[in-house]
PDB file of N, CA and C in Angstrom:
ATOM      1  N   MET A   1       0.715  -1.015   0.034  1.00  0.00           N
ATOM      2  CA  MET A   1      -0.245  -0.093  -0.073  1.00  0.00           C
ATOM      3  C   MET A   1       0.954   1.102   0.307  1.00  0.00           C
ATOM      4  N   MET A   2       1.790   1.119   1.040  1.00  0.00           N
ATOM      5  CA  MET A   2       2.944   2.336   0.904  1.00  0.00           C
ATOM      6  C   MET A   2       3.332   2.415  -0.539  1.00  0.00           C
ATOM      7  N   THR A   3       3.970   1.792  -0.822  1.00  0.00           N
ATOM      8  CA  THR A   3       4.792   1.228  -1.949  1.00  0.00           C
ATOM      9  C   THR A   3       3.996   2.307  -3.503  1.00  0.00           C
ATOM     10  N   ALA A   4       2.703   1.552  -3.540  1.00  0.00           N
ATOM     11  CA  ALA A   4       2.288   2.429  -4.413  1.00  0.00           C
ATOM     12  C   ALA A   4       1.723   3.955  -4.501  1.00  0.00           C
ATOM     13  N   LEU A   5       1.811   3.953  -2.869  1.00  0.00           N
ATOM     14  CA  LEU A   5       1.036   5.491  -2.750  1.00  0.00           C
ATOM     15  C   LEU A   5       2.747   6.190  -3.380  1.00  0.00           C
ATOM     16  N   LEU A   6       3.785   5.956  -2.628  1.00  0.00           N
ATOM     17  CA  LEU A   6       4.907   6.397  -3.193  1.00  0.00           C
ATOM     18  C   LEU A   6       5.216   6.485  -4.834  1.00  0.00           C
ATOM     19  N   GLU A   7       4.688   5.168  -5.679  1.00  0.00           N
ATOM     20  CA  GLU A   7       4.944   5.364  -6.603  1.00  0.00           C
ATOM     21  C   GLU A   7       4.079   6.564  -7.639  1.00  0.00           C
ATOM     22  N   TYR A   8       2.992   6.842  -6.928  1.00  0.00           N
ATOM     23  CA  TYR A   8       1.965   7.685  -7.606  1.00  0.00           C
ATOM     24  C   TYR A   8       2.615   9.131  -7.512  1.00  0.00           C
ATOM     25  N   VAL A   9       2.905   9.601  -5.872  1.00  0.00           N
ATOM     26  CA  VAL A   9       3.528  10.831  -5.769  1.00  0.00           C
ATOM     27  C   VAL A   9       4.350  10.917  -6.608  1.00  0.00           C
ATOM     28  N   SER A  10       5.474   9.936  -6.585  1.00  0.00           N
ATOM     29  CA  SER A  10       6.749  10.366  -7.593  1.00  0.00           C
ATOM     30  C   SER A  10       6.119  10.525  -8.911  1.00  0.00           C
ATOM     31  N   GLY A  11       5.437   9.735  -9.044  1.00  0.00           N
ATOM     32  CA  GLY A  11       4.905  10.036 -11.027  1.00  0.00           C
ATOM     33  C   GLY A  11       4.400  11.187 -11.172  1.00  0.00           C
ATOM     34  N   ILE A  12       3.642  11.522 -10.366  1.00  0.00           N
ATOM     35  CA  ILE A  12       3.090  13.115 -10.164  1.00  0.00           C
ATOM     36  C   ILE A  12       3.969  14.073 -10.353  1.00  0.00           C
ATOM     37  N   LEU A  13       5.078  13.712  -9.281  1.00  0.00           N
ATOM     38  CA  LEU A  13       6.223  14.720  -9.359  1.00  0.00           C
ATOM     39  C   LEU A  13       6.882  15.148 -10.640  1.00  0.00           C
ATOM     40  N   ILE A  14       6.907  13.678 -11.169  1.00  0.00           N
ATOM     41  CA  ILE A  14       7.711  13.787 -12.264  1.00  0.00           C
ATOM     42  C   ILE A  14       7.055  14.292 -13.915  1.00  0.00           C
ATOM     43  N   VAL A  15       5.796  14.293 -13.603  1.00  0.00           N
ATOM     44  CA  VAL A  15       4.992  14.841 -14.612  1.00  0.00           C
ATOM     45  C   VAL A  15       4.955  16.529 -14.013  1.00  0.00           C
ATOM     46  N   ILE A  16       4.630  16.710 -13.348  1.00  0.00           N
ATOM     47  CA  ILE A  16       5.009  18.163 -12.696  1.00  0.00           C
ATOM     48  C   ILE A  16       6.474  18.735 -13.600  1.00  0.00           C
ATOM     49  N   GLY A  17       7.368  18.467 -12.814  1.00  0.00           N
ATOM     50  CA  GLY A  17       8.751  18.746 -13.232  1.00  0.00           C
ATOM     51  C   GLY A  17       8.609  18.520 -14.855  1.00  0.00           C
ATOM     52  N   ALA A  18       8.371  17.431 -15.579  1.00  0.00           N
ATOM     53  CA  ALA A  18       8.301  17.536 -17.051  1.00  0.00           C
ATOM     54  C   ALA A  18       7.723  18.828 -17.596  1.00  0.00           C
ATOM     55  N   LEU A  19       6.675  19.025 -17.156  1.00  0.00           N
ATOM     56  CA  LEU A  19       5.781  20.584 -17.711  1.00  0.00           C
ATOM     57  C   LEU A  19       6.301  21.741 -17.324  1.00  0.00           C
ATOM     58  N   PHE A  20       7.176  21.738 -16.111  1.00  0.00           N
ATOM     59  CA  PHE A  20       8.142  22.793 -15.828  1.00  0.00           C
ATOM     60  C   PHE A  20       9.010  22.958 -17.172  1.00  0.00           C
ATOM     61  N   ALA A  21      10.144  21.902 -17.346  1.00  0.00           N
ATOM     62  CA  ALA A  21      10.893  21.792 -18.367  1.00  0.00           C
ATOM     63  C   ALA A  21      10.618  21.903 -19.489  1.00  0.00           C
ATOM     64  N   LEU A  22       8.838  21.263 -20.181  1.00  0.00           N
ATOM     65  CA  LEU A  22       8.704  21.820 -21.188  1.00  0.00           C
ATOM     66  C   LEU A  22       7.942  23.281 -21.455  1.00  0.00           C
ATOM     67  N   VAL A  23       7.665  23.869 -20.157  1.00  0.00           N
ATOM     68  CA  VAL A  23       7.566  25.522 -20.308  1.00  0.00           C
ATOM     69  C   VAL A  23       8.991  26.525 -20.318  1.00  0.00           C
ATOM     70  N   ALA A  24      10.003  25.918 -19.967  1.00  0.00           N
ATOM     71  CA  ALA A  24      11.413  26.365 -19.812  1.00  0.00           C
ATOM     72  C   ALA A  24      11.562  26.231 -21.368  1.00  0.00           C
ATOM     73  N   SER A  25      11.683  25.101 -21.878  1.00  0.00           N
ATOM     74  CA  SER A  25      11.870  24.977 -23.523  1.00  0.00           C
ATOM     75  C   SER A  25      10.995  25.483 -24.332  1.00  0.00           C
ATOM     76  N   ILE A  26       9.812  26.050 -23.798  1.00  0.00           N
ATOM     77  CA  ILE A  26       9.002  26.811 -25.070  1.00  0.00           C
ATOM     78  C   ILE A  26       9.346  28.392 -24.787  1.00  0.00           C
ATOM     79  N   GLY A  27       9.839  28.488 -23.507  1.00  0.00           N
ATOM     80  CA  GLY A  27      10.042  30.067 -23.445  1.00  0.00           C
ATOM     81  C   GLY A  27      11.496  30.295 -24.065  1.00  0.00           C
ATOM     82  N   LEU A  28      12.215  29.451 -24.309  1.00  0.00           N
ATOM     83  CA  LEU A  28      13.818  29.576 -24.734  1.00  0.00           C
ATOM     84  C   LEU A  28      12.949  29.808 -26.499  1.00  0.00           C
ATOM     85  N   LEU A  29      12.625  29.285 -26.936  1.00  0.00           N
ATOM     86  CA  LEU A  29      12.126  29.172 -28.544  1.00  0.00           C
ATOM     87  C   LEU A  29      11.072  30.447 -28.696  1.00  0.00           C
ATOM     88  N   ARG A  30      10.550  30.672 -27.746  1.00  0.00           N
ATOM     89  CA  ARG A  30       9.231  31.638 -28.217  1.00  0.00           C
ATOM     90  C   ARG A  30       9.642  33.583 -27.827  1.00  0.00           C
ATOM     91  N   LEU A  31      10.564  33.535 -26.546  1.00  0.00           N
ATOM     92  CA  LEU A  31      10.704  34.628 -26.156  1.00  0.00           C
ATOM     93  C   LEU A  31      11.455  35.635 -27.021  1.00  0.00           C
ATOM     94  N   PRO A  32      11.348  36.928 -26.524  1.00  0.00           N
ATOM     95  CA  PRO A  32      12.047  37.712 -27.793  1.00  0.00           C
ATOM     96  C   PRO A  32      13.935  38.014 -27.587  1.00  0.00           C
ATOM     97  N   ASP A  33      14.471  37.879 -26.504  1.00  0.00           N
ATOM     98  CA  ASP A  33      15.490  38.516 -26.224  1.00  0.00           C
ATOM     99  C   ASP A  33      16.667  37.685 -25.630  1.00  0.00           C
ATOM    100  N   LEU A  34      17.724  37.768 -25.157  1.00  0.00           N
ATOM    101  CA  LEU A  34      18.590  36.955 -24.343  1.00  0.00           C
ATOM    102  C   LEU A  34      18.053  36.810 -23.086  1.00  0.00           C
ATOM    103  N   TYR A  35      17.426  37.938 -22.495  1.00  0.00           N
ATOM    104  CA  TYR A  35      17.369  37.971 -21.198  1.00  0.00           C
ATOM    105  C   TYR A  35      16.327  37.030 -20.413  1.00  0.00           C
ATOM    106  N   THR A  36      15.063  37.430 -21.538  1.00  0.00           N
ATOM    107  CA  THR A  36      13.935  36.785 -21.084  1.00  0.00           C
ATOM    108  C   THR A  36      14.157  35.447 -21.297  1.00  0.00           C
ATOM    109  N   ARG A  37      14.836  35.097 -22.240  1.00  0.00           N
ATOM    110  CA  ARG A  37      15.447  33.458 -22.579  1.00  0.00           C
ATOM    111  C   ARG A  37      15.891  32.977 -21.412  1.00  0.00           C
ATOM    112  N   MET A  38      16.807  33.714 -21.043  1.00  0.00           N
ATOM    113  CA  MET A  38      17.802  33.408 -19.710  1.00  0.00           C
ATOM    114  C   MET A  38      16.505  33.221 -18.410  1.00  0.00           C
ATOM    115  N   HIS A  39      15.946  34.169 -18.143  1.00  0.00           N
ATOM    116  CA  HIS A  39      14.765  33.784 -17.108  1.00  0.00           C
ATOM    117  C   HIS A  39      14.152  32.773 -17.655  1.00  0.00           C
ATOM    118  N   ALA A  40      13.336  32.401 -18.504  1.00  0.00           N
ATOM    119  CA  ALA A  40      12.722  31.307 -18.417  1.00  0.00           C
ATOM    120  C   ALA A  40      13.569  30.241 -18.529  1.00  0.00           C
ATOM    121  N   ALA A  41      15.023  29.972 -18.792  1.00  0.00           N
ATOM    122  CA  ALA A  41      15.438  28.755 -18.579  1.00  0.00           C
ATOM    123  C   ALA A  41      16.172  28.602 -17.099  1.00  0.00           C
ATOM    124  N   SER A  42      16.409  29.922 -16.541  1.00  0.00           N
ATOM    125  CA  SER A  42      16.974  29.757 -15.281  1.00  0.00           C
ATOM    126  C   SER A  42      15.669  28.972 -14.063  1.00  0.00           C
ATOM    127  N   LYS A  43      14.668  30.135 -14.229  1.00  0.00           N
ATOM    128  CA  LYS A  43      13.414  29.928 -13.394  1.00  0.00           C
ATOM    129  C   LYS A  43      12.829  28.387 -13.522  1.00  0.00           C
ATOM    130  N   ALA A  44      12.343  28.127 -14.427  1.00  0.00           N
ATOM    131  CA  ALA A  44      11.398  27.019 -15.289  1.00  0.00           C
ATOM    132  C   ALA A  44      12.031  25.707 -15.103  1.00  0.00           C
ATOM    133  N   GLY A  45      13.402  26.019 -15.904  1.00  0.00           N
ATOM    134  CA  GLY A  45      14.182  24.927 -16.002  1.00  0.00           C
ATOM    135  C   GLY A  45      14.778  24.340 -14.481  1.00  0.00           C
ATOM    136  N   THR A  46      15.072  25.115 -13.609  1.00  0.00           N
ATOM    137  CA  THR A  46      15.316  24.728 -12.099  1.00  0.00           C
ATOM    138  C   THR A  46      14.675  24.425 -11.508  1.00  0.00           C
ATOM    139  N   LEU A  47      13.411  24.646 -11.691  1.00  0.00           N
ATOM    140  CA  LEU A  47      12.019  24.494 -10.909  1.00  0.00           C
ATOM    141  C   LEU A  47      11.648  22.744 -11.675  1.00  0.00           C
ATOM    142  N   GLY A  48      11.641  22.871 -12.307  1.00  0.00           N
ATOM    143  CA  GLY A  48      11.346  21.551 -13.302  1.00  0.00           C
ATOM    144  C   GLY A  48      12.201  20.236 -12.619  1.00  0.00           C
ATOM    145  N   SER A  49      13.786  20.817 -12.790  1.00  0.00           N
ATOM    146  CA  SER A  49      15.098  19.859 -12.364  1.00  0.00           C
ATOM    147  C   SER A  49      14.713  19.703 -10.854  1.00  0.00           C
ATOM    148  N   CYS A  50      14.720  20.286 -10.125  1.00  0.00           N
ATOM    149  CA  CYS A  50      14.407  20.089  -8.568  1.00  0.00           C
ATOM    150  C   CYS A  50      13.124  19.534  -8.462  1.00  0.00           C
ATOM    151  N   VAL A  51      12.072  19.336  -9.220  1.00  0.00           N
ATOM    152  CA  VAL A  51      10.964  18.642  -8.647  1.00  0.00           C
ATOM    153  C   VAL A  51      11.294  17.189  -9.485  1.00  0.00           C
ATOM    154  N   MET A  52      12.077  17.182 -10.328  1.00  0.00           N
ATOM    155  CA  MET A  52      11.992  15.529 -10.935  1.00  0.00           C
ATOM    156  C   MET A  52      12.935  15.178  -9.708  1.00  0.00           C
ATOM    157  N   LEU A  53      13.919  15.888  -9.407  1.00  0.00           N
ATOM    158  CA  LEU A  53      14.976  14.996  -8.227  1.00  0.00           C
ATOM    159  C   LEU A  53      14.448  14.681  -6.775  1.00  0.00           C
ATOM    160  N   ILE A  54      13.498  15.925  -6.757  1.00  0.00           N
ATOM    161  CA  ILE A  54      12.764  14.944  -5.336  1.00  0.00           C
ATOM    162  C   ILE A  54      11.397  13.957  -5.578  1.00  0.00           C
ATOM    163  N   ALA A  55      11.333  13.882  -6.821  1.00  0.00           N
ATOM    164  CA  ALA A  55      10.782  12.782  -7.127  1.00  0.00           C
ATOM    165  C   ALA A  55      11.289  11.660  -6.892  1.00  0.00           C
ATOM    166  N   LEU A  56      12.827  11.425  -7.657  1.00  0.00           N
ATOM    167  CA  LEU A  56      13.998  10.739  -7.526  1.00  0.00           C
ATOM    168  C   LEU A  56      14.055  10.338  -6.111  1.00  0.00           C
ATOM    169  N   ALA A  57      14.224  11.152  -5.115  1.00  0.00           N
ATOM    170  CA  ALA A  57      14.661  10.746  -3.785  1.00  0.00           C
ATOM    171  C   ALA A  57      12.967  10.301  -3.200  1.00  0.00           C
ATOM    172  N   VAL A  58      11.654  10.647  -3.466  1.00  0.00           N
ATOM    173  CA  VAL A  58      10.814   9.795  -2.937  1.00  0.00           C
ATOM    174  C   VAL A  58      10.426   8.739  -3.401  1.00  0.00           C
ATOM    175  N   GLN A  59      11.091   8.248  -4.583  1.00  0.00           N
ATOM    176  CA  GLN A  59      11.163   6.814  -5.119  1.00  0.00           C
ATOM    177  C   GLN A  59      12.229   6.053  -4.860  1.00  0.00           C
ATOM    178  N   SER A  60      13.182   6.353  -4.733  1.00  0.00           N
ATOM    179  CA  SER A  60      14.123   5.472  -4.071  1.00  0.00           C
ATOM    180  C   SER A  60      14.003   4.681  -3.065  1.00  0.00           C
ATOM    181  N   GLN A  61      14.403   3.675  -2.491  1.00  0.00           N
ATOM    182  CA  GLN A  61      14.627   2.750  -1.313  1.00  0.00           C
ATOM    183  C   GLN A  61      15.509   3.127  -0.377  1.00  0.00           C
ATOM    184  N   ASP A  62      16.926   3.695  -1.353  1.00  0.00           N
ATOM    185  CA  ASP A  62      17.657   3.733  -0.324  1.00  0.00           C
ATOM    186  C   ASP A  62      18.148   5.073  -0.108  1.00  0.00           C
ATOM    187  N   LEU A  63      18.665   5.331   0.998  1.00  0.00           N
ATOM    188  CA  LEU A  63      18.672   6.625   2.190  1.00  0.00           C
ATOM    189  C   LEU A  63      19.874   7.545   1.257  1.00  0.00           C
ATOM    190  N   ALA A  64      20.506   6.516   0.816  1.00  0.00           N
ATOM    191  CA  ALA A  64      21.763   7.175  -0.085  1.00  0.00           C
ATOM    192  C   ALA A  64      21.572   8.250  -1.324  1.00  0.00           C
ATOM    193  N   ILE A  65      21.099   7.527  -2.049  1.00  0.00           N
ATOM    194  CA  ILE A  65      20.427   7.865  -3.417  1.00  0.00           C
ATOM    195  C   ILE A  65      19.418   8.986  -2.899  1.00  0.00           C
ATOM    196  N   ALA A  66      18.581   9.344  -1.890  1.00  0.00           N
ATOM    197  CA  ALA A  66      17.957  10.101  -1.865  1.00  0.00           C
ATOM    198  C   ALA A  66      18.601  11.106  -1.434  1.00  0.00           C
ATOM    199  N   MET A  67      19.537  11.192  -0.050  1.00  0.00           N
ATOM    200  CA  MET A  67      20.374  12.082   0.019  1.00  0.00           C
ATOM    201  C   MET A  67      21.320  12.924  -1.115  1.00  0.00           C
ATOM    202  N   ARG A  68      21.609  12.252  -2.092  1.00  0.00           N
ATOM    203  CA  ARG A  68      22.126  12.436  -3.150  1.00  0.00           C
ATOM    204  C   ARG A  68      21.521  13.451  -4.111  1.00  0.00           C
ATOM    205  N   ALA A  69      20.114  12.997  -4.302  1.00  0.00           N
ATOM    206  CA  ALA A  69      18.871  13.995  -4.838  1.00  0.00           C
ATOM    207  C   ALA A  69      18.673  15.255  -4.413  1.00  0.00           C
ATOM    208  N   LEU A  70      18.467  14.933  -3.052  1.00  0.00           N
ATOM    209  CA  LEU A  70      18.415  16.204  -2.350  1.00  0.00           C
ATOM    210  C   LEU A  70      19.542  17.371  -2.164  1.00  0.00           C
ATOM    211  N   ALA A  71      20.595  16.895  -2.340  1.00  0.00           N
ATOM    212  CA  ALA A  71      21.861  17.453  -2.402  1.00  0.00           C
ATOM    213  C   ALA A  71      22.087  18.221  -3.585  1.00  0.00           C
ATOM    214  N   GLY A  72      21.680  17.930  -4.697  1.00  0.00           N
ATOM    215  CA  GLY A  72      21.449  18.185  -5.890  1.00  0.00           C
ATOM    216  C   GLY A  72      20.253  19.089  -5.995  1.00  0.00           C
ATOM    217  N   VAL A  73      19.230  19.145  -5.315  1.00  0.00           N
ATOM    218  CA  VAL A  73      18.129  20.061  -5.137  1.00  0.00           C
ATOM    219  C   VAL A  73      18.775  21.730  -4.651  1.00  0.00           C
ATOM    220  N   VAL A  74      19.461  21.127  -3.697  1.00  0.00           N
ATOM    221  CA  VAL A  74      20.073  22.111  -2.929  1.00  0.00           C
ATOM    222  C   VAL A  74      21.256  23.037  -3.786  1.00  0.00           C
ATOM    223  N   PHE A  75      21.969  21.946  -4.663  1.00  0.00           N
ATOM    224  CA  PHE A  75      23.000  22.829  -5.463  1.00  0.00           C
ATOM    225  C   PHE A  75      22.417  23.695  -6.517  1.00  0.00           C
ATOM    226  N   PHE A  76      21.142  22.844  -7.116  1.00  0.00           N
ATOM    227  CA  PHE A  76      20.357  23.897  -8.030  1.00  0.00           C
ATOM    228  C   PHE A  76      20.218  25.075  -7.582  1.00  0.00           C
ATOM    229  N   LEU A  77      19.359  24.990  -6.793  1.00  0.00           N
ATOM    230  CA  LEU A  77      19.114  26.467  -6.067  1.00  0.00           C
ATOM    231  C   LEU A  77      20.061  27.187  -5.795  1.00  0.00           C
ATOM    232  N   MET A  78      21.083  26.946  -5.177  1.00  0.00           N
ATOM    233  CA  MET A  78      22.246  27.879  -4.659  1.00  0.00           C
ATOM    234  C   MET A  78      23.091  28.228  -5.736  1.00  0.00           C
ATOM    235  N   THR A  79      23.184  27.502  -7.171  1.00  0.00           N
ATOM    236  CA  THR A  79      23.777  27.780  -8.137  1.00  0.00           C
ATOM    237  C   THR A  79      23.241  28.283  -9.062  1.00  0.00           C
ATOM    238  N   VAL A  80      22.216  28.079  -9.536  1.00  0.00           N
ATOM    239  CA  VAL A  80      21.650  28.422 -10.860  1.00  0.00           C
ATOM    240  C   VAL A  80      20.895  30.065 -10.796  1.00  0.00           C
ATOM    241  N   PRO A  81      20.474  30.447  -9.773  1.00  0.00           N
ATOM    242  CA  PRO A  81      20.439  32.132  -9.966  1.00  0.00           C
ATOM    243  C   PRO A  81      21.798  33.044  -9.609  1.00  0.00           C
ATOM    244  N   ILE A  82      22.933  32.740  -9.075  1.00  0.00           N
ATOM    245  CA  ILE A  82      23.968  33.359  -9.511  1.00  0.00           C
ATOM    246  C   ILE A  82      24.788  33.526 -10.954  1.00  0.00           C
ATOM    247  N   SER A  83      24.721  32.197 -11.215  1.00  0.00           N
ATOM    248  CA  SER A  83      25.238  31.688 -12.606  1.00  0.00           C
ATOM    249  C   SER A  83      24.141  32.208 -13.649  1.00  0.00           C
ATOM    250  N   SER A  84      23.188  32.577 -13.722  1.00  0.00           N
ATOM    251  CA  SER A  84      22.374  33.277 -14.514  1.00  0.00           C
ATOM    252  C   SER A  84      22.612  34.620 -14.315  1.00  0.00           C
ATOM    253  N   HIS A  85      22.464  35.337 -13.146  1.00  0.00           N
ATOM    254  CA  HIS A  85      22.945  36.698 -12.759  1.00  0.00           C
ATOM    255  C   HIS A  85      24.275  37.218 -13.510  1.00  0.00           C
ATOM    256  N   LEU A  86      25.303  36.412 -13.319  1.00  0.00           N
ATOM    257  CA  LEU A  86      26.573  36.651 -13.543  1.00  0.00           C
ATOM    258  C   LEU A  86      26.784  36.568 -15.369  1.00  0.00           C
ATOM    259  N   LEU A  87      25.766  35.727 -16.012  1.00  0.00           N
ATOM    260  CA  LEU A  87      25.506  35.417 -17.334  1.00  0.00           C
ATOM    261  C   LEU A  87      24.878  37.077 -17.907  1.00  0.00           C
ATOM    262  N   ALA A  88      23.844  37.208 -17.502  1.00  0.00           N
ATOM    263  CA  ALA A  88      23.458  38.407 -18.044  1.00  0.00           C
ATOM    264  C   ALA A  88      24.171  39.449 -17.853  1.00  0.00           C
ATOM    265  N   LYS A  89      24.869  39.903 -16.832  1.00  0.00           N
ATOM    266  CA  LYS A  89      25.792  41.108 -16.681  1.00  0.00           C
ATOM    267  C   LYS A  89      26.902  40.935 -17.632  1.00  0.00           C
ATOM    268  N   ALA A  90      27.235  39.648 -17.761  1.00  0.00           N
ATOM    269  CA  ALA A  90      28.451  39.505 -18.725  1.00  0.00           C
ATOM    270  C   ALA A  90      27.516  40.038 -20.318  1.00  0.00           C
ATOM    271  N   ALA A  91      26.601  39.280 -20.527  1.00  0.00           N
ATOM    272  CA  ALA A  91      25.931  39.835 -21.890  1.00  0.00           C
ATOM    273  C   ALA A  91      25.654  41.307 -22.118  1.00  0.00           C
ATOM    274  N   HIS A  92      25.357  41.607 -20.806  1.00  0.00           N
ATOM    275  CA  HIS A  92      25.090  43.262 -20.949  1.00  0.00           C
ATOM    276  C   HIS A  92      26.457  44.087 -21.285  1.00  0.00           C
ATOM    277  N   ALA A  93      27.686  43.710 -20.255  1.00  0.00           N
ATOM    278  CA  ALA A  93      28.575  44.470 -20.689  1.00  0.00           C
ATOM    279  C   ALA A  93      29.288  43.932 -21.958  1.00  0.00           C
ATOM    280  N   ALA A  94      29.133  42.792 -22.693  1.00  0.00           N
ATOM    281  CA  ALA A  94      29.509  42.484 -23.939  1.00  0.00           C
ATOM    282  C   ALA A  94      28.428  43.543 -25.166  1.00  0.00           C
ATOM    283  N   GLY A  95      27.212  44.139 -24.711  1.00  0.00           N
ATOM    284  CA  GLY A  95      26.663  44.820 -25.818  1.00  0.00           C
ATOM    285  C   GLY A  95      25.499  44.211 -26.022  1.00  0.00           C
ATOM    286  N   CYS A  96      25.138  43.171 -25.561  1.00  0.00           N
ATOM    287  CA  CYS A  96      23.943  42.192 -26.174  1.00  0.00           C
ATOM    288  C   CYS A  96      22.902  43.221 -25.726  1.00  0.00           C
ATOM    289  N   ARG A  97      22.007  43.746 -26.652  1.00  0.00           N
ATOM    290  CA  ARG A  97      20.944  44.820 -26.530  1.00  0.00           C
ATOM    291  C   ARG A  97      19.373  44.006 -25.813  1.00  0.00           C
ATOM    292  N   LEU A  98      18.688  44.961 -25.067  1.00  0.00           N
ATOM    293  CA  LEU A  98      17.300  44.387 -24.975  1.00  0.00           C
ATOM    294  C   LEU A  98      16.679  44.274 -26.046  1.00  0.00           C
ATOM    295  N   TRP A  99      15.516  43.676 -25.943  1.00  0.00           N
ATOM    296  CA  TRP A  99      14.041  43.787 -26.697  1.00  0.00           C
ATOM    297  C   TRP A  99      13.752  45.041 -26.933  1.00  0.00           C
ATOM    298  N   SER A 100      13.515  45.453 -28.309  1.00  0.00           N
ATOM    299  CA  SER A 100      13.241  46.679 -28.423  1.00  0.00           C
ATOM    300  C   SER A 100      11.954  47.481 -27.713  1.00  0.00           C
ATOM    301  N   LYS A 101      11.033  46.684 -27.214  1.00  0.00           N
ATOM    302  CA  LYS A 101       9.692  46.827 -26.535  1.00  0.00           C
ATOM    303  C   LYS A 101      10.012  46.825 -24.804  1.00  0.00           C
ATOM    304  N   SER A 102      11.308  46.901 -24.542  1.00  0.00           N
ATOM    305  CA  SER A 102      11.433  46.700 -23.325  1.00  0.00           C
ATOM    306  C   SER A 102      11.267  48.106 -22.336  1.00  0.00           C
ATOM    307  N   LEU A 103      10.888  48.501 -21.196  1.00  0.00           N
ATOM    308  CA  LEU A 103      10.468  49.300 -20.912  1.00  0.00           C
ATOM    309  C   LEU A 103      11.636  50.082 -20.242  1.00  0.00           C
ATOM    310  N   ARG A 104      12.786  49.346 -19.195  1.00  0.00           N
ATOM    311  CA  ARG A 104      13.720  49.684 -18.567  1.00  0.00           C
ATOM    312  C   ARG A 104      14.727  48.673 -18.401  1.00  0.00           C
ATOM    313  N   ASP A 105      16.071  49.205 -18.307  1.00  0.00           N
ATOM    314  CA  ASP A 105      17.331  48.681 -18.337  1.00  0.00           C
ATOM    315  C   ASP A 105      17.937  48.500 -16.867  1.00  0.00           C
ATOM    316  N   ASP A 106      17.491  47.224 -16.007  1.00  0.00           N
ATOM    317  CA  ASP A 106      17.862  47.854 -14.777  1.00  0.00           C
ATOM    318  C   ASP A 106      19.452  47.533 -14.342  1.00  0.00           C
ATOM    319  N   ILE A 107      20.186  46.917 -15.341  1.00  0.00           N
ATOM    320  CA  ILE A 107      21.448  46.534 -15.115  1.00  0.00           C
ATOM    321  C   ILE A 107      22.396  48.237 -15.198  1.00  0.00           C
ATOM    322  N   GLU A 108      21.844  48.394 -16.520  1.00  0.00           N
ATOM    323  CA  GLU A 108      22.397  49.962 -16.548  1.00  0.00           C
ATOM    324  C   GLU A 108      22.121  51.196 -15.676  1.00  0.00           C
ATOM    325  N   ARG A 109      20.871  51.342 -14.961  1.00  0.00           N
ATOM    326  CA  ARG A 109      20.503  51.394 -13.774  1.00  0.00           C
ATOM    327  C   ARG A 109      21.138  51.187 -12.433  1.00  0.00           C
ATOM    328  N   GLY A 110      21.561  50.182 -12.506  1.00  0.00           N
ATOM    329  CA  GLY A 110      22.487  49.811 -11.667  1.00  0.00           C
ATOM    330  C   GLY A 110      23.693  50.224 -11.399  1.00  0.00           C
ATOM    331  N   VAL A 111      24.260  50.346 -12.805  1.00  0.00           N
ATOM    332  CA  VAL A 111      25.832  50.738 -12.930  1.00  0.00           C
ATOM    333  C   VAL A 111      25.702  52.442 -12.974  1.00  0.00           C
ATOM    334  N   GLN A 112      24.515  52.946 -13.210  1.00  0.00           N
ATOM    335  CA  GLN A 112      24.498  54.693 -12.887  1.00  0.00           C
ATOM    336  C   GLN A 112      24.620  54.818 -11.425  1.00  0.00           C
ATOM    337  N   SER A 113      23.375  54.277 -10.847  1.00  0.00           N
ATOM    338  CA  SER A 113      23.605  54.200  -9.380  1.00  0.00           C
ATOM    339  C   SER A 113      24.591  54.415  -8.836  1.00  0.00           C
ATOM    340  N   VAL A 114      25.556  53.277  -9.073  1.00  0.00           N
ATOM    341  CA  VAL A 114      26.580  53.448  -8.209  1.00  0.00           C
ATOM    342  C   VAL A 114      27.962  54.110  -8.898  1.00  0.00           C
ATOM    343  N   VAL A 115      28.044  54.561 -10.155  1.00  0.00           N
ATOM    344  CA  VAL A 115      28.889  55.896 -10.424  1.00  0.00           C
ATOM    345  C   VAL A 115      28.230  56.908  -9.572  1.00  0.00           C
ATOM    346  N   LYS A 116      26.939  57.419  -9.651  1.00  0.00           N
ATOM    347  CA  LYS A 116      26.757  58.320  -8.726  1.00  0.00           C
ATOM    348  C   LYS A 116      27.189  58.262  -7.325  1.00  0.00           C
ATOM    349  N   THR A 117      27.088  57.258  -6.834  1.00  0.00           N
ATOM    350  CA  THR A 117      27.554  57.259  -5.462  1.00  0.00           C
ATOM    351  C   THR A 117      28.931  57.087  -5.091  1.00  0.00           C
ATOM    352  N   THR A 118      29.889  56.894  -5.954  1.00  0.00           N
ATOM    353  CA  THR A 118      31.377  57.120  -5.618  1.00  0.00           C
ATOM    354  C   THR A 118      31.572  58.124  -6.132  1.00  0.00           C
ATOM    355  N   GLN A 119      30.881  58.951  -7.138  1.00  0.00           N
ATOM    356  CA  GLN A 119      31.863  60.483  -7.720  1.00  0.00           C
ATOM    357  C   GLN A 119      31.230  61.221  -6.452  1.00  0.00           C
ATOM    358  N   SER A 120      30.103  61.003  -5.483  1.00  0.00           N
ATOM    359  CA  SER A 120      29.946  61.908  -4.665  1.00  0.00           C
ATOM    360  C   SER A 120      30.679  62.181  -3.530  1.00  0.00           C
TER     361      SER A 120
END
């Protein structure tokens, strides 16, 4: 009875994670510029991967496998936001332009405010 429940829970989690991964891949194809594509890949892709690793932890009968899967979740949650932020800053510094209909450039505004405070 309990193993059947764990199989259903892990199956549902796998489907949810796959749907998030699908949304991330559609975002990579459909969004207009590098920054919005990076946002889709980092947010939805990370969530999909984390949910699938949690499903692995639920499904596994071995505590070592479950701990490694949960360590993978923690690793994803700690590294993906930092790496995507640094990649966006590097792309901005290299001159990659925003979409023409973007309303504001937060990275440029942040650089200008830092320059203003250091000159004062």
